[in-house]
Structure formats: C-alpha cells, structure tokens
Amino acid sequence: MASAKCALPVAQKAGFPEGSSPRREGIEVEDLGKGSYRLTGRSVLVGQQTSSVGFVCEVAPDASDKLRGFKVTRLDVTPD
C-alpha cells in the first residue's frame, strides 16, 4: 500500500505524462516505526524514449484519510 501511495507523486515529480504507467524497480522498504515507511527505488517509463528516475518516498499513517491510509511526508526524485 505504501508503494502505491508513492507511485503517482513520483511520476508527477518526474514529469512523466499523465496517464502513463511507469514500472517500479528495485523497491526497498524500510520500517521507520509508528506505521511509517521509507521506500527507495527507480521508476522507469518505457516508450519511444525510455526515462527513469531514482526516488526516496516516505509515508506516514494519515488519520484524516482512513480509506487511503498513508500520506507522503518526504519525496526526493532524481533523474538517472
């Protein structure tokens, strides 16, 4: 669920076209305690020209949105 919460913000910050489906690779998840997680990995968009970015995304429980469960608290995206 934490990985899914990070997917759209990573794609947006990377500048991938809206509606595209980049794949995530090498995802590592670190438990930060108290329901928070840090995810690191790469997001790759394959098409006429392949683009990829590395990312660090941290999520924490979102008490105001029980349906989604998490809010992004940190997002770093760097081009490969």
Protein backbone atom coordinates (compact mmCIF):
# COMPACT_ATOMS: atom_id res chain seq x y z
CA MET A 1 0.00 0.00 0.00
CA ALA A 2 2.88 2.38 0.78
CA SER A 3 4.37 1.74 -2.67
CA ALA A 4 1.06 2.52 -4.33
CA LYS A 5 0.77 5.78 -2.37
CA CYS A 6 4.17 6.90 -3.72
CA ALA A 7 3.61 5.92 -7.38
CA LEU A 8 1.61 8.96 -8.55
CA PRO A 9 3.66 11.64 -6.73
CA VAL A 10 6.89 10.11 -8.10
CA ALA A 11 5.51 10.06 -11.66
CA GLN A 12 4.29 13.65 -11.36
CA LYS A 13 7.58 14.96 -9.96
CA ALA A 14 9.49 13.02 -12.65
CA GLY A 15 7.41 14.76 -15.32
CA PHE A 16 6.04 11.53 -16.78
CA PRO A 17 2.94 12.10 -18.94
CA GLU A 18 -0.41 11.94 -17.15
CA GLY A 19 -1.98 8.52 -17.51
CA SER A 20 1.33 6.79 -18.21
CA SER A 21 2.23 3.58 -16.39
CA PRO A 22 5.86 3.66 -15.31
CA ARG A 23 7.13 0.47 -13.73
CA ARG A 24 8.86 0.45 -10.37
CA GLU A 25 12.12 -1.42 -9.97
CA GLY A 26 14.34 -2.37 -7.06
CA ILE A 27 11.92 -1.20 -4.41
CA GLU A 28 13.32 -1.42 -0.90
CA VAL A 29 11.06 -0.75 2.07
CA GLU A 30 12.39 0.34 5.44
CA ASP A 31 10.14 0.36 8.51
CA LEU A 32 10.63 3.70 10.27
CA GLY A 33 8.37 2.76 13.19
CA LYS A 34 4.94 4.04 14.25
CA GLY A 35 3.46 2.90 10.91
CA SER A 36 5.84 4.98 8.77
CA TYR A 37 7.90 3.60 5.89
CA ARG A 38 10.73 4.74 3.59
CA LEU A 39 10.72 3.39 0.04
CA THR A 40 13.68 3.68 -2.30
CA GLY A 41 13.92 2.51 -5.88
CA ARG A 42 13.56 3.50 -9.51
CA SER A 43 10.58 4.41 -11.65
CA VAL A 44 11.02 3.63 -15.35
CA LEU A 45 8.84 4.80 -18.22
CA VAL A 46 9.41 2.80 -21.41
CA GLY A 47 8.25 4.21 -24.72
CA GLN A 48 9.78 5.89 -27.73
CA GLN A 49 12.36 7.22 -25.33
CA THR A 50 13.00 5.44 -22.01
CA SER A 51 13.13 7.70 -18.95
CA SER A 52 13.99 6.70 -15.43
CA VAL A 53 14.34 8.35 -12.05
CA GLY A 54 15.54 7.26 -8.65
CA PHE A 55 13.35 8.10 -5.70
CA VAL A 56 13.04 8.16 -1.95
CA CYS A 57 9.48 8.37 -0.66
CA GLU A 58 8.45 8.36 2.98
CA VAL A 59 4.89 7.76 4.10
CA ALA A 60 3.16 8.00 7.47
CA PRO A 61 -0.29 6.98 8.64
CA ASP A 62 -2.93 9.52 7.64
CA ALA A 63 -5.51 9.75 10.40
CA SER A 64 -7.63 12.15 8.30
CA ASP A 65 -8.00 9.68 5.40
CA LYS A 66 -8.67 6.15 6.63
CA LEU A 67 -9.50 4.89 3.13
CA ARG A 68 -6.10 5.67 1.69
CA GLY A 69 -4.18 5.02 4.87
CA PHE A 70 -0.96 6.96 4.18
CA LYS A 71 0.26 10.46 3.41
CA VAL A 72 3.57 11.25 1.72
CA THR A 73 5.86 13.08 4.15
CA ARG A 74 9.04 13.17 2.04
CA LEU A 75 9.67 12.82 -1.68
CA ASP A 76 13.02 13.07 -3.44
CA VAL A 77 13.18 12.30 -7.17
CA THR A 78 16.44 12.37 -9.11
CA PRO A 79 16.93 11.71 -12.85
CA ASP A 80 19.15 8.74 -13.72
